[in-house]
Amino acid sequence: MHKLVILVELPSNDTSFDETWPQFLSLSERMPGLIREATSRVEQVLYGRYQPFLMHELFFDSLDALQEAMASPTGQETGQLLQQMTRGKLTLLVSDHNEDDLENIRKHRLQKDKPQESPK
């Protein structure tokens, strides 16, 4: 799975951004191949100079699907709106996305913690 990560640098009190956000969501949700999305409003930056106030993630089955979505007419329109509404104060990242659920993590942790039998 791959995702497009959008980090927005605008201050959270920018009302023009909030007014345009629903239009952006409507467009981005029509991008071909999109399988999931997530939005996070950043509450606190613990370390670093970068001060984003919002992170939006668009998930696709593959890098090819992500690139096709961005190149599509809907993807192009979405990108133009994003540039306009953020005034270019954003960072776009493409990442290979892997995740695991807690049940599987615990299962492997328990196996690792079991005492190993010595060979006879």
PDB file of N, CA and C in Angstrom:
ATOM      1  N   MET A   1       0.857  -1.164   0.000  1.00  0.00           N
ATOM      2  CA  MET A   1       0.000   0.000   0.000  1.00  0.00           C
ATOM      3  C   MET A   1       0.904   1.229   0.000  1.00  0.00           C
ATOM      4  N   HIS A   2       0.464   2.267  -0.674  1.00  0.00           N
ATOM      5  CA  HIS A   2       1.170   3.544  -0.710  1.00  0.00           C
ATOM      6  C   HIS A   2       0.207   4.657  -0.329  1.00  0.00           C
ATOM      7  N   LYS A   3       0.778   5.734   0.173  1.00  0.00           N
ATOM      8  CA  LYS A   3      -0.076   6.867   0.515  1.00  0.00           C
ATOM      9  C   LYS A   3       0.585   8.174   0.134  1.00  0.00           C
ATOM     10  N   LEU A   4      -0.274   9.126  -0.159  1.00  0.00           N
ATOM     11  CA  LEU A   4       0.134  10.510  -0.378  1.00  0.00           C
ATOM     12  C   LEU A   4      -0.153  11.232   0.931  1.00  0.00           C
ATOM     13  N   VAL A   5       0.890  11.788   1.532  1.00  0.00           N
ATOM     14  CA  VAL A   5       0.756  12.510   2.796  1.00  0.00           C
ATOM     15  C   VAL A   5       0.851  14.002   2.478  1.00  0.00           C
ATOM     16  N   ILE A   6      -0.135  14.740   2.935  1.00  0.00           N
ATOM     17  CA  ILE A   6      -0.185  16.194   2.729  1.00  0.00           C
ATOM     18  C   ILE A   6      -0.032  16.859   4.084  1.00  0.00           C
ATOM     19  N   LEU A   7       1.032  17.630   4.252  1.00  0.00           N
ATOM     20  CA  LEU A   7       1.264  18.382   5.480  1.00  0.00           C
ATOM     21  C   LEU A   7       1.006  19.850   5.177  1.00  0.00           C
ATOM     22  N   VAL A   8       0.057  20.442   5.869  1.00  0.00           N
ATOM     23  CA  VAL A   8      -0.347  21.824   5.614  1.00  0.00           C
ATOM     24  C   VAL A   8       0.222  22.714   6.712  1.00  0.00           C
ATOM     25  N   GLU A   9       0.847  23.817   6.307  1.00  0.00           N
ATOM     26  CA  GLU A   9       1.549  24.700   7.223  1.00  0.00           C
ATOM     27  C   GLU A   9       0.757  25.924   7.660  1.00  0.00           C
ATOM     28  N   LEU A  10      -0.466  26.049   7.211  1.00  0.00           N
ATOM     29  CA  LEU A  10      -1.225  27.252   7.544  1.00  0.00           C
ATOM     30  C   LEU A  10      -1.586  27.302   9.022  1.00  0.00           C
ATOM     31  N   PRO A  11      -1.702  28.494   9.584  1.00  0.00           N
ATOM     32  CA  PRO A  11      -2.191  28.569  10.965  1.00  0.00           C
ATOM     33  C   PRO A  11      -3.639  28.082  11.035  1.00  0.00           C
ATOM     34  N   SER A  12      -4.000  27.456  12.134  1.00  0.00           N
ATOM     35  CA  SER A  12      -5.326  26.844  12.247  1.00  0.00           C
ATOM     36  C   SER A  12      -6.465  27.854  12.248  1.00  0.00           C
ATOM     37  N   ASN A  13      -6.176  29.138  12.414  1.00  0.00           N
ATOM     38  CA  ASN A  13      -7.249  30.138  12.429  1.00  0.00           C
ATOM     39  C   ASN A  13      -7.493  30.758  11.048  1.00  0.00           C
ATOM     40  N   ASP A  14      -6.939  30.184   9.989  1.00  0.00           N
ATOM     41  CA  ASP A  14      -7.150  30.693   8.631  1.00  0.00           C
ATOM     42  C   ASP A  14      -8.529  30.239   8.155  1.00  0.00           C
ATOM     43  N   THR A  15      -9.492  31.139   8.185  1.00  0.00           N
ATOM     44  CA  THR A  15     -10.879  30.772   7.860  1.00  0.00           C
ATOM     45  C   THR A  15     -11.061  30.416   6.387  1.00  0.00           C
ATOM     46  N   SER A  16     -10.268  30.994   5.489  1.00  0.00           N
ATOM     47  CA  SER A  16     -10.435  30.666   4.072  1.00  0.00           C
ATOM     48  C   SER A  16     -10.080  29.198   3.820  1.00  0.00           C
ATOM     49  N   PHE A  17      -9.097  28.687   4.525  1.00  0.00           N
ATOM     50  CA  PHE A  17      -8.754  27.267   4.393  1.00  0.00           C
ATOM     51  C   PHE A  17      -9.933  26.406   4.846  1.00  0.00           C
ATOM     52  N   ASP A  18     -10.466  26.681   6.008  1.00  0.00           N
ATOM     53  CA  ASP A  18     -11.579  25.891   6.542  1.00  0.00           C
ATOM     54  C   ASP A  18     -12.811  25.959   5.655  1.00  0.00           C
ATOM     55  N   GLU A  19     -13.024  27.081   4.988  1.00  0.00           N
ATOM     56  CA  GLU A  19     -14.167  27.211   4.086  1.00  0.00           C
ATOM     57  C   GLU A  19     -13.995  26.367   2.826  1.00  0.00           C
ATOM     58  N   THR A  20     -12.750  26.196   2.372  1.00  0.00           N
ATOM     59  CA  THR A  20     -12.469  25.458   1.138  1.00  0.00           C
ATOM     60  C   THR A  20     -12.229  23.977   1.387  1.00  0.00           C
ATOM     61  N   TRP A  21     -11.941  23.595   2.616  1.00  0.00           N
ATOM     62  CA  TRP A  21     -11.616  22.210   2.947  1.00  0.00           C
ATOM     63  C   TRP A  21     -12.668  21.203   2.476  1.00  0.00           C
ATOM     64  N   PRO A  22     -13.971  21.430   2.683  1.00  0.00           N
ATOM     65  CA  PRO A  22     -14.970  20.461   2.196  1.00  0.00           C
ATOM     66  C   PRO A  22     -14.910  20.260   0.673  1.00  0.00           C
ATOM     67  N   GLN A  23     -14.636  21.311  -0.068  1.00  0.00           N
ATOM     68  CA  GLN A  23     -14.509  21.194  -1.524  1.00  0.00           C
ATOM     69  C   GLN A  23     -13.297  20.321  -1.872  1.00  0.00           C
ATOM     70  N   PHE A  24     -12.179  20.515  -1.152  1.00  0.00           N
ATOM     71  CA  PHE A  24     -11.000  19.682  -1.367  1.00  0.00           C
ATOM     72  C   PHE A  24     -11.321  18.211  -1.090  1.00  0.00           C
ATOM     73  N   LEU A  25     -11.990  17.950   0.031  1.00  0.00           N
ATOM     74  CA  LEU A  25     -12.336  16.567   0.378  1.00  0.00           C
ATOM     75  C   LEU A  25     -13.214  15.931  -0.697  1.00  0.00           C
ATOM     76  N   SER A  26     -14.191  16.670  -1.174  1.00  0.00           N
ATOM     77  CA  SER A  26     -15.088  16.154  -2.203  1.00  0.00           C
ATOM     78  C   SER A  26     -14.312  15.774  -3.467  1.00  0.00           C
ATOM     79  N   LEU A  27     -13.378  16.622  -3.863  1.00  0.00           N
ATOM     80  CA  LEU A  27     -12.565  16.321  -5.048  1.00  0.00           C
ATOM     81  C   LEU A  27     -11.633  15.147  -4.799  1.00  0.00           C
ATOM     82  N   SER A  28     -10.910  15.183  -3.692  1.00  0.00           N
ATOM     83  CA  SER A  28      -9.917  14.130  -3.442  1.00  0.00           C
ATOM     84  C   SER A  28     -10.572  12.760  -3.316  1.00  0.00           C
ATOM     85  N   GLU A  29     -11.776  12.714  -2.785  1.00  0.00           N
ATOM     86  CA  GLU A  29     -12.472  11.438  -2.616  1.00  0.00           C
ATOM     87  C   GLU A  29     -12.924  10.834  -3.945  1.00  0.00           C
ATOM     88  N   ARG A  30     -12.862  11.618  -5.011  1.00  0.00           N
ATOM     89  CA  ARG A  30     -13.216  11.108  -6.346  1.00  0.00           C
ATOM     90  C   ARG A  30     -11.993  10.699  -7.147  1.00  0.00           C
ATOM     91  N   MET A  31     -10.799  10.797  -6.542  1.00  0.00           N
ATOM     92  CA  MET A  31      -9.594  10.386  -7.272  1.00  0.00           C
ATOM     93  C   MET A  31      -9.655   8.885  -7.519  1.00  0.00           C
ATOM     94  N   PRO A  32      -9.343   8.451  -8.745  1.00  0.00           N
ATOM     95  CA  PRO A  32      -9.421   7.020  -9.052  1.00  0.00           C
ATOM     96  C   PRO A  32      -8.425   6.220  -8.213  1.00  0.00           C
ATOM     97  N   GLY A  33      -8.884   5.076  -7.728  1.00  0.00           N
ATOM     98  CA  GLY A  33      -8.005   4.184  -6.987  1.00  0.00           C
ATOM     99  C   GLY A  33      -7.879   4.475  -5.504  1.00  0.00           C
ATOM    100  N   LEU A  34      -8.491   5.553  -5.032  1.00  0.00           N
ATOM    101  CA  LEU A  34      -8.419   5.883  -3.611  1.00  0.00           C
ATOM    102  C   LEU A  34      -9.157   4.816  -2.812  1.00  0.00           C
ATOM    103  N   ILE A  35      -8.497   4.274  -1.783  1.00  0.00           N
ATOM    104  CA  ILE A  35      -9.156   3.239  -0.981  1.00  0.00           C
ATOM    105  C   ILE A  35      -9.444   3.696   0.446  1.00  0.00           C
ATOM    106  N   ARG A  36      -8.779   4.734   0.890  1.00  0.00           N
ATOM    107  CA  ARG A  36      -9.004   5.218   2.248  1.00  0.00           C
ATOM    108  C   ARG A  36      -8.350   6.582   2.393  1.00  0.00           C
ATOM    109  N   GLU A  37      -8.839   7.349   3.353  1.00  0.00           N
ATOM    110  CA  GLU A  37      -8.204   8.630   3.659  1.00  0.00           C
ATOM    111  C   GLU A  37      -8.268   8.867   5.161  1.00  0.00           C
ATOM    112  N   ALA A  38      -7.405   9.729   5.635  1.00  0.00           N
ATOM    113  CA  ALA A  38      -7.380  10.076   7.062  1.00  0.00           C
ATOM    114  C   ALA A  38      -6.927  11.516   7.199  1.00  0.00           C
ATOM    115  N   THR A  39      -7.546  12.230   8.135  1.00  0.00           N
ATOM    116  CA  THR A  39      -7.160  13.609   8.419  1.00  0.00           C
ATOM    117  C   THR A  39      -6.809  13.727   9.893  1.00  0.00           C
ATOM    118  N   SER A  40      -5.724  14.398  10.172  1.00  0.00           N
ATOM    119  CA  SER A  40      -5.299  14.641  11.552  1.00  0.00           C
ATOM    120  C   SER A  40      -4.978  16.114  11.709  1.00  0.00           C
ATOM    121  N   ARG A  41      -5.603  16.739  12.687  1.00  0.00           N
ATOM    122  CA  ARG A  41      -5.238  18.110  13.051  1.00  0.00           C
ATOM    123  C   ARG A  41      -4.126  18.003  14.087  1.00  0.00           C
ATOM    124  N   VAL A  42      -2.999  18.603  13.798  1.00  0.00           N
ATOM    125  CA  VAL A  42      -1.844  18.517  14.689  1.00  0.00           C
ATOM    126  C   VAL A  42      -2.104  19.383  15.911  1.00  0.00           C
ATOM    127  N   GLU A  43      -2.052  18.779  17.075  1.00  0.00           N
ATOM    128  CA  GLU A  43      -2.292  19.511  18.318  1.00  0.00           C
ATOM    129  C   GLU A  43      -1.012  20.043  18.926  1.00  0.00           C
ATOM    130  N   GLN A  44       0.106  19.339  18.692  1.00  0.00           N
ATOM    131  CA  GLN A  44       1.353  19.749  19.314  1.00  0.00           C
ATOM    132  C   GLN A  44       2.514  19.193  18.508  1.00  0.00           C
ATOM    133  N   VAL A  45       3.518  20.020  18.269  1.00  0.00           N
ATOM    134  CA  VAL A  45       4.764  19.563  17.666  1.00  0.00           C
ATOM    135  C   VAL A  45       5.733  19.357  18.819  1.00  0.00           C
ATOM    136  N   LEU A  46       6.168  18.126  19.016  1.00  0.00           N
ATOM    137  CA  LEU A  46       7.041  17.827  20.148  1.00  0.00           C
ATOM    138  C   LEU A  46       8.495  18.191  19.883  1.00  0.00           C
ATOM    139  N   TYR A  47       8.910  18.094  18.639  1.00  0.00           N
ATOM    140  CA  TYR A  47      10.291  18.417  18.306  1.00  0.00           C
ATOM    141  C   TYR A  47      10.377  18.790  16.837  1.00  0.00           C
ATOM    142  N   GLY A  48      11.177  19.758  16.526  1.00  0.00           N
ATOM    143  CA  GLY A  48      11.430  20.136  15.146  1.00  0.00           C
ATOM    144  C   GLY A  48      10.940  21.533  14.827  1.00  0.00           C
ATOM    145  N   ARG A  49      11.455  22.047  13.738  1.00  0.00           N
ATOM    146  CA  ARG A  49      11.111  23.409  13.318  1.00  0.00           C
ATOM    147  C   ARG A  49       9.842  23.469  12.487  1.00  0.00           C
ATOM    148  N   TYR A  50       9.509  22.361  11.863  1.00  0.00           N
ATOM    149  CA  TYR A  50       8.339  22.326  10.997  1.00  0.00           C
ATOM    150  C   TYR A  50       7.079  22.406  11.847  1.00  0.00           C
ATOM    151  N   GLN A  51       6.156  23.280  11.487  1.00  0.00           N
ATOM    152  CA  GLN A  51       4.959  23.516  12.294  1.00  0.00           C
ATOM    153  C   GLN A  51       3.675  23.292  11.494  1.00  0.00           C
ATOM    154  N   PRO A  52       3.395  22.064  11.068  1.00  0.00           N
ATOM    155  CA  PRO A  52       2.138  21.830  10.354  1.00  0.00           C
ATOM    156  C   PRO A  52       0.964  21.888  11.314  1.00  0.00           C
ATOM    157  N   PHE A  53      -0.185  22.253  10.788  1.00  0.00           N
ATOM    158  CA  PHE A  53      -1.380  22.201  11.630  1.00  0.00           C
ATOM    159  C   PHE A  53      -2.331  21.099  11.170  1.00  0.00           C
ATOM    160  N   LEU A  54      -2.064  20.516   9.993  1.00  0.00           N
ATOM    161  CA  LEU A  54      -2.949  19.481   9.486  1.00  0.00           C
ATOM    162  C   LEU A  54      -2.158  18.472   8.666  1.00  0.00           C
ATOM    163  N   MET A  55      -2.532  17.203   8.795  1.00  0.00           N
ATOM    164  CA  MET A  55      -1.961  16.145   7.976  1.00  0.00           C
ATOM    165  C   MET A  55      -3.127  15.377   7.365  1.00  0.00           C
ATOM    166  N   HIS A  56      -3.106  15.220   6.053  1.00  0.00           N
ATOM    167  CA  HIS A  56      -4.144  14.463   5.361  1.00  0.00           C
ATOM    168  C   HIS A  56      -3.451  13.367   4.571  1.00  0.00           C
ATOM    169  N   GLU A  57      -3.985  12.148   4.655  1.00  0.00           N
ATOM    170  CA  GLU A  57      -3.383  11.003   3.985  1.00  0.00           C
ATOM    171  C   GLU A  57      -4.385  10.364   3.035  1.00  0.00           C
ATOM    172  N   LEU A  58      -3.927  10.097   1.828  1.00  0.00           N
ATOM    173  CA  LEU A  58      -4.729   9.425   0.813  1.00  0.00           C
ATOM    174  C   LEU A  58      -4.053   8.082   0.513  1.00  0.00           C
ATOM    175  N   PHE A  59      -4.770   6.984   0.705  1.00  0.00           N
ATOM    176  CA  PHE A  59      -4.216   5.643   0.596  1.00  0.00           C
ATOM    177  C   PHE A  59      -4.606   4.987  -0.719  1.00  0.00           C
ATOM    178  N   PHE A  60      -3.635   4.295  -1.325  1.00  0.00           N
ATOM    179  CA  PHE A  60      -3.827   3.597  -2.592  1.00  0.00           C
ATOM    180  C   PHE A  60      -3.191   2.207  -2.500  1.00  0.00           C
ATOM    181  N   ASP A  61      -3.646   1.290  -3.339  1.00  0.00           N
ATOM    182  CA  ASP A  61      -3.109  -0.080  -3.319  1.00  0.00           C
ATOM    183  C   ASP A  61      -1.640  -0.153  -3.706  1.00  0.00           C
ATOM    184  N   SER A  62      -1.187   0.767  -4.566  1.00  0.00           N
ATOM    185  CA  SER A  62       0.183   0.685  -5.070  1.00  0.00           C
ATOM    186  C   SER A  62       0.690   2.075  -5.440  1.00  0.00           C
ATOM    187  N   LEU A  63       1.987   2.150  -5.666  1.00  0.00           N
ATOM    188  CA  LEU A  63       2.587   3.407  -6.127  1.00  0.00           C
ATOM    189  C   LEU A  63       2.033   3.782  -7.496  1.00  0.00           C
ATOM    190  N   ASP A  64       1.865   2.805  -8.371  1.00  0.00           N
ATOM    191  CA  ASP A  64       1.296   3.078  -9.694  1.00  0.00           C
ATOM    192  C   ASP A  64      -0.106   3.671  -9.575  1.00  0.00           C
ATOM    193  N   ALA A  65      -0.929   3.111  -8.692  1.00  0.00           N
ATOM    194  CA  ALA A  65      -2.296   3.621  -8.505  1.00  0.00           C
ATOM    195  C   ALA A  65      -2.265   5.053  -7.980  1.00  0.00           C
ATOM    196  N   LEU A  66      -1.362   5.339  -7.060  1.00  0.00           N
ATOM    197  CA  LEU A  66      -1.229   6.697  -6.524  1.00  0.00           C
ATOM    198  C   LEU A  66      -0.833   7.676  -7.637  1.00  0.00           C
ATOM    199  N   GLN A  67       0.164   7.296  -8.422  1.00  0.00           N
ATOM    200  CA  GLN A  67       0.636   8.173  -9.498  1.00  0.00           C
ATOM    201  C   GLN A  67      -0.436   8.386 -10.563  1.00  0.00           C
ATOM    202  N   GLU A  68      -1.187   7.338 -10.877  1.00  0.00           N
ATOM    203  CA  GLU A  68      -2.279   7.472 -11.843  1.00  0.00           C
ATOM    204  C   GLU A  68      -3.360   8.416 -11.317  1.00  0.00           C
ATOM    205  N   ALA A  69      -3.650   8.310 -10.022  1.00  0.00           N
ATOM    206  CA  ALA A  69      -4.656   9.194  -9.419  1.00  0.00           C
ATOM    207  C   ALA A  69      -4.208  10.643  -9.479  1.00  0.00           C
ATOM    208  N   MET A  70      -2.948  10.897  -9.176  1.00  0.00           N
ATOM    209  CA  MET A  70      -2.444  12.274  -9.212  1.00  0.00           C
ATOM    210  C   MET A  70      -2.432  12.845 -10.637  1.00  0.00           C
ATOM    211  N   ALA A  71      -2.193  11.978 -11.619  1.00  0.00           N
ATOM    212  CA  ALA A  71      -2.135  12.420 -13.010  1.00  0.00           C
ATOM    213  C   ALA A  71      -3.517  12.540 -13.650  1.00  0.00           C
ATOM    214  N   SER A  72      -4.539  11.993 -13.022  1.00  0.00           N
ATOM    215  CA  SER A  72      -5.886  12.028 -13.580  1.00  0.00           C
ATOM    216  C   SER A  72      -6.428  13.464 -13.580  1.00  0.00           C
ATOM    217  N   PRO A  73      -7.441  13.748 -14.387  1.00  0.00           N
ATOM    218  CA  PRO A  73      -8.040  15.088 -14.365  1.00  0.00           C
ATOM    219  C   PRO A  73      -8.528  15.483 -12.965  1.00  0.00           C
ATOM    220  N   THR A  74      -9.132  14.545 -12.245  1.00  0.00           N
ATOM    221  CA  THR A  74      -9.588  14.844 -10.883  1.00  0.00           C
ATOM    222  C   THR A  74      -8.396  15.110  -9.968  1.00  0.00           C
ATOM    223  N   GLY A  75      -7.339  14.315 -10.108  1.00  0.00           N
ATOM    224  CA  GLY A  75      -6.132  14.518  -9.315  1.00  0.00           C
ATOM    225  C   GLY A  75      -5.502  15.866  -9.585  1.00  0.00           C
ATOM    226  N   GLN A  76      -5.464  16.259 -10.854  1.00  0.00           N
ATOM    227  CA  GLN A  76      -4.895  17.567 -11.215  1.00  0.00           C
ATOM    228  C   GLN A  76      -5.728  18.709 -10.634  1.00  0.00           C
ATOM    229  N   GLU A  77      -7.039  18.590 -10.729  1.00  0.00           N
ATOM    230  CA  GLU A  77      -7.927  19.617 -10.176  1.00  0.00           C
ATOM    231  C   GLU A  77      -7.788  19.693  -8.653  1.00  0.00           C
ATOM    232  N   THR A  78      -7.679  18.534  -8.021  1.00  0.00           N
ATOM    233  CA  THR A  78      -7.494  18.488  -6.568  1.00  0.00           C
ATOM    234  C   THR A  78      -6.190  19.169  -6.178  1.00  0.00           C
ATOM    235  N   GLY A  79      -5.128  18.871  -6.896  1.00  0.00           N
ATOM    236  CA  GLY A  79      -3.825  19.482  -6.616  1.00  0.00           C
ATOM    237  C   GLY A  79      -3.836  20.993  -6.793  1.00  0.00           C
ATOM    238  N   GLN A  80      -4.505  21.465  -7.830  1.00  0.00           N
ATOM    239  CA  GLN A  80      -4.601  22.915  -8.052  1.00  0.00           C
ATOM    240  C   GLN A  80      -5.358  23.596  -6.926  1.00  0.00           C
ATOM    241  N   LEU A  81      -6.458  22.997  -6.495  1.00  0.00           N
ATOM    242  CA  LEU A  81      -7.222  23.563  -5.390  1.00  0.00           C
ATOM    243  C   LEU A  81      -6.388  23.562  -4.110  1.00  0.00           C
ATOM    244  N   LEU A  82      -5.666  22.488  -3.875  1.00  0.00           N
ATOM    245  CA  LEU A  82      -4.821  22.394  -2.685  1.00  0.00           C
ATOM    246  C   LEU A  82      -3.755  23.494  -2.675  1.00  0.00           C
ATOM    247  N   GLN A  83      -3.118  23.708  -3.807  1.00  0.00           N
ATOM    248  CA  GLN A  83      -2.111  24.781  -3.903  1.00  0.00           C
ATOM    249  C   GLN A  83      -2.751  26.146  -3.636  1.00  0.00           C
ATOM    250  N   GLN A  84      -3.930  26.356  -4.199  1.00  0.00           N
ATOM    251  CA  GLN A  84      -4.631  27.628  -4.027  1.00  0.00           C
ATOM    252  C   GLN A  84      -5.026  27.850  -2.563  1.00  0.00           C
ATOM    253  N   MET A  85      -5.627  26.847  -1.949  1.00  0.00           N
ATOM    254  CA  MET A  85      -6.155  27.027  -0.592  1.00  0.00           C
ATOM    255  C   MET A  85      -5.064  27.104   0.468  1.00  0.00           C
ATOM    256  N   THR A  86      -3.877  26.530   0.194  1.00  0.00           N
ATOM    257  CA  THR A  86      -2.781  26.588   1.152  1.00  0.00           C
ATOM    258  C   THR A  86      -1.770  27.690   0.824  1.00  0.00           C
ATOM    259  N   ARG A  87      -1.991  28.332  -0.312  1.00  0.00           N
ATOM    260  CA  ARG A  87      -1.046  29.349  -0.804  1.00  0.00           C
ATOM    261  C   ARG A  87       0.369  28.766  -0.938  1.00  0.00           C
ATOM    262  N   GLY A  88       0.403  27.479  -1.276  1.00  0.00           N
ATOM    263  CA  GLY A  88       1.681  26.796  -1.482  1.00  0.00           C
ATOM    264  C   GLY A  88       2.407  26.422  -0.205  1.00  0.00           C
ATOM    265  N   LYS A  89       1.794  26.642   0.939  1.00  0.00           N
ATOM    266  CA  LYS A  89       2.436  26.327   2.223  1.00  0.00           C
ATOM    267  C   LYS A  89       2.081  24.904   2.634  1.00  0.00           C
ATOM    268  N   LEU A  90       2.691  23.954   1.934  1.00  0.00           N
ATOM    269  CA  LEU A  90       2.420  22.559   2.189  1.00  0.00           C
ATOM    270  C   LEU A  90       3.602  21.714   1.776  1.00  0.00           C
ATOM    271  N   THR A  91       3.607  20.495   2.235  1.00  0.00           N
ATOM    272  CA  THR A  91       4.597  19.504   1.837  1.00  0.00           C
ATOM    273  C   THR A  91       3.835  18.259   1.422  1.00  0.00           C
ATOM    274  N   LEU A  92       4.229  17.679   0.301  1.00  0.00           N
ATOM    275  CA  LEU A  92       3.631  16.425  -0.178  1.00  0.00           C
ATOM    276  C   LEU A  92       4.673  15.322  -0.064  1.00  0.00           C
ATOM    277  N   LEU A  93       4.283  14.206   0.493  1.00  0.00           N
ATOM    278  CA  LEU A  93       5.163  13.052   0.630  1.00  0.00           C
ATOM    279  C   LEU A  93       4.473  11.833   0.041  1.00  0.00           C
ATOM    280  N   VAL A  94       5.225  10.984  -0.613  1.00  0.00           N
ATOM    281  CA  VAL A  94       4.721   9.688  -1.063  1.00  0.00           C
ATOM    282  C   VAL A  94       5.457   8.653  -0.233  1.00  0.00           C
ATOM    283  N   SER A  95       4.700   7.749   0.383  1.00  0.00           N
ATOM    284  CA  SER A  95       5.360   6.762   1.233  1.00  0.00           C
ATOM    285  C   SER A  95       4.761   5.373   1.035  1.00  0.00           C
ATOM    286  N   ASP A  96       5.628   4.395   1.204  1.00  0.00           N
ATOM    287  CA  ASP A  96       5.227   2.998   1.243  1.00  0.00           C
ATOM    288  C   ASP A  96       4.649   2.797   2.632  1.00  0.00           C
ATOM    289  N   HIS A  97       3.426   2.319   2.711  1.00  0.00           N
ATOM    290  CA  HIS A  97       2.727   2.240   3.997  1.00  0.00           C
ATOM    291  C   HIS A  97       2.523   0.789   4.403  1.00  0.00           C
ATOM    292  N   ASN A  98       3.002   0.464   5.586  1.00  0.00           N
ATOM    293  CA  ASN A  98       2.788  -0.854   6.174  1.00  0.00           C
ATOM    294  C   ASN A  98       2.250  -0.643   7.577  1.00  0.00           C
ATOM    295  N   GLU A  99       1.344  -1.479   7.994  1.00  0.00           N
ATOM    296  CA  GLU A  99       0.846  -1.369   9.357  1.00  0.00           C
ATOM    297  C   GLU A  99       0.565  -2.760   9.901  1.00  0.00           C
ATOM    298  N   ASP A 100       0.494  -2.830  11.210  1.00  0.00           N
ATOM    299  CA  ASP A 100       0.241  -4.085  11.887  1.00  0.00           C
ATOM    300  C   ASP A 100      -0.772  -3.809  12.979  1.00  0.00           C
ATOM    301  N   ASP A 101      -1.573  -4.800  13.320  1.00  0.00           N
ATOM    302  CA  ASP A 101      -2.524  -4.597  14.409  1.00  0.00           C
ATOM    303  C   ASP A 101      -1.933  -5.108  15.718  1.00  0.00           C
ATOM    304  N   LEU A 102      -2.475  -4.623  16.799  1.00  0.00           N
ATOM    305  CA  LEU A 102      -1.945  -4.913  18.112  1.00  0.00           C
ATOM    306  C   LEU A 102      -1.978  -6.412  18.434  1.00  0.00           C
ATOM    307  N   GLU A 103      -2.998  -7.110  17.974  1.00  0.00           N
ATOM    308  CA  GLU A 103      -3.089  -8.550  18.230  1.00  0.00           C
ATOM    309  C   GLU A 103      -1.884  -9.280  17.643  1.00  0.00           C
ATOM    310  N   ASN A 104      -1.504  -8.960  16.432  1.00  0.00           N
ATOM    311  CA  ASN A 104      -0.362  -9.602  15.791  1.00  0.00           C
ATOM    312  C   ASN A 104       0.942  -9.209  16.474  1.00  0.00           C
ATOM    313  N   ILE A 105       1.067  -7.960  16.874  1.00  0.00           N
ATOM    314  CA  ILE A 105       2.270  -7.508  17.578  1.00  0.00           C
ATOM    315  C   ILE A 105       2.427  -8.282  18.880  1.00  0.00           C
ATOM    316  N   ARG A 106       1.343  -8.407  19.622  1.00  0.00           N
ATOM    317  CA  ARG A 106       1.395  -9.139  20.896  1.00  0.00           C
ATOM    318  C   ARG A 106       1.752 -10.614  20.683  1.00  0.00           C
ATOM    319  N   LYS A 107       1.207 -11.205  19.627  1.00  0.00           N
ATOM    320  CA  LYS A 107       1.496 -12.615  19.332  1.00  0.00           C
ATOM    321  C   LYS A 107       2.997 -12.809  19.123  1.00  0.00           C
ATOM    322  N   HIS A 108       3.607 -11.942  18.350  1.00  0.00           N
ATOM    323  CA  HIS A 108       5.046 -12.060  18.082  1.00  0.00           C
ATOM    324  C   HIS A 108       5.872 -11.727  19.314  1.00  0.00           C
ATOM    325  N   ARG A 109       5.395 -10.806  20.120  1.00  0.00           N
ATOM    326  CA  ARG A 109       6.096 -10.456  21.352  1.00  0.00           C
ATOM    327  C   ARG A 109       6.100 -11.656  22.297  1.00  0.00           C
ATOM    328  N   LEU A 110       4.955 -12.340  22.408  1.00  0.00           N
ATOM    329  CA  LEU A 110       4.866 -13.511  23.282  1.00  0.00           C
ATOM    330  C   LEU A 110       5.789 -14.629  22.800  1.00  0.00           C
ATOM    331  N   GLN A 111       5.858 -14.831  21.497  1.00  0.00           N
ATOM    332  CA  GLN A 111       6.747 -15.864  20.958  1.00  0.00           C
ATOM    333  C   GLN A 111       8.204 -15.534  21.260  1.00  0.00           C
ATOM    334  N   LYS A 112       8.555 -14.272  21.166  1.00  0.00           N
ATOM    335  CA  LYS A 112       9.927 -13.829  21.412  1.00  0.00           C
ATOM    336  C   LYS A 112      10.288 -13.992  22.887  1.00  0.00           C
ATOM    337  N   ASP A 113       9.316 -13.760  23.771  1.00  0.00           N
ATOM    338  CA  ASP A 113       9.563 -13.815  25.208  1.00  0.00           C
ATOM    339  C   ASP A 113       9.567 -15.231  25.779  1.00  0.00           C
ATOM    340  N   LYS A 114       9.116 -16.216  25.005  1.00  0.00           N
ATOM    341  CA  LYS A 114       9.114 -17.602  25.489  1.00  0.00           C
ATOM    342  C   LYS A 114      10.558 -18.077  25.636  1.00  0.00           C
ATOM    343  N   PRO A 115      10.850 -18.801  26.709  1.00  0.00           N
ATOM    344  CA  PRO A 115      12.213 -19.347  26.848  1.00  0.00           C
ATOM    345  C   PRO A 115      12.491 -20.350  25.742  1.00  0.00           C
ATOM    346  N   GLN A 116      13.674 -20.266  25.193  1.00  0.00           N
ATOM    347  CA  GLN A 116      14.077 -21.180  24.127  1.00  0.00           C
ATOM    348  C   GLN A 116      14.600 -22.466  24.740  1.00  0.00           C
ATOM    349  N   GLU A 117      14.196 -23.598  24.177  1.00  0.00           N
ATOM    350  CA  GLU A 117      14.717 -24.879  24.637  1.00  0.00           C
ATOM    351  C   GLU A 117      16.130 -25.057  24.089  1.00  0.00           C
ATOM    352  N   SER A 118      16.999 -25.572  24.921  1.00  0.00           N
ATOM    353  CA  SER A 118      18.363 -25.800  24.465  1.00  0.00           C
ATOM    354  C   SER A 118      18.408 -27.085  23.637  1.00  0.00           C
ATOM    355  N   PRO A 119      19.203 -27.102  22.577  1.00  0.00           N
ATOM    356  CA  PRO A 119      19.294 -28.304  21.726  1.00  0.00           C
ATOM    357  C   PRO A 119      19.914 -29.453  22.507  1.00  0.00           C
ATOM    358  N   LYS A 120      19.427 -30.658  22.250  1.00  0.00           N
ATOM    359  CA  LYS A 120      19.943 -31.853  22.957  1.00  0.00           C
ATOM    360  C   LYS A 120      20.793 -32.701  22.058  1.00  0.00           C
TER     361      LYS A 120
END
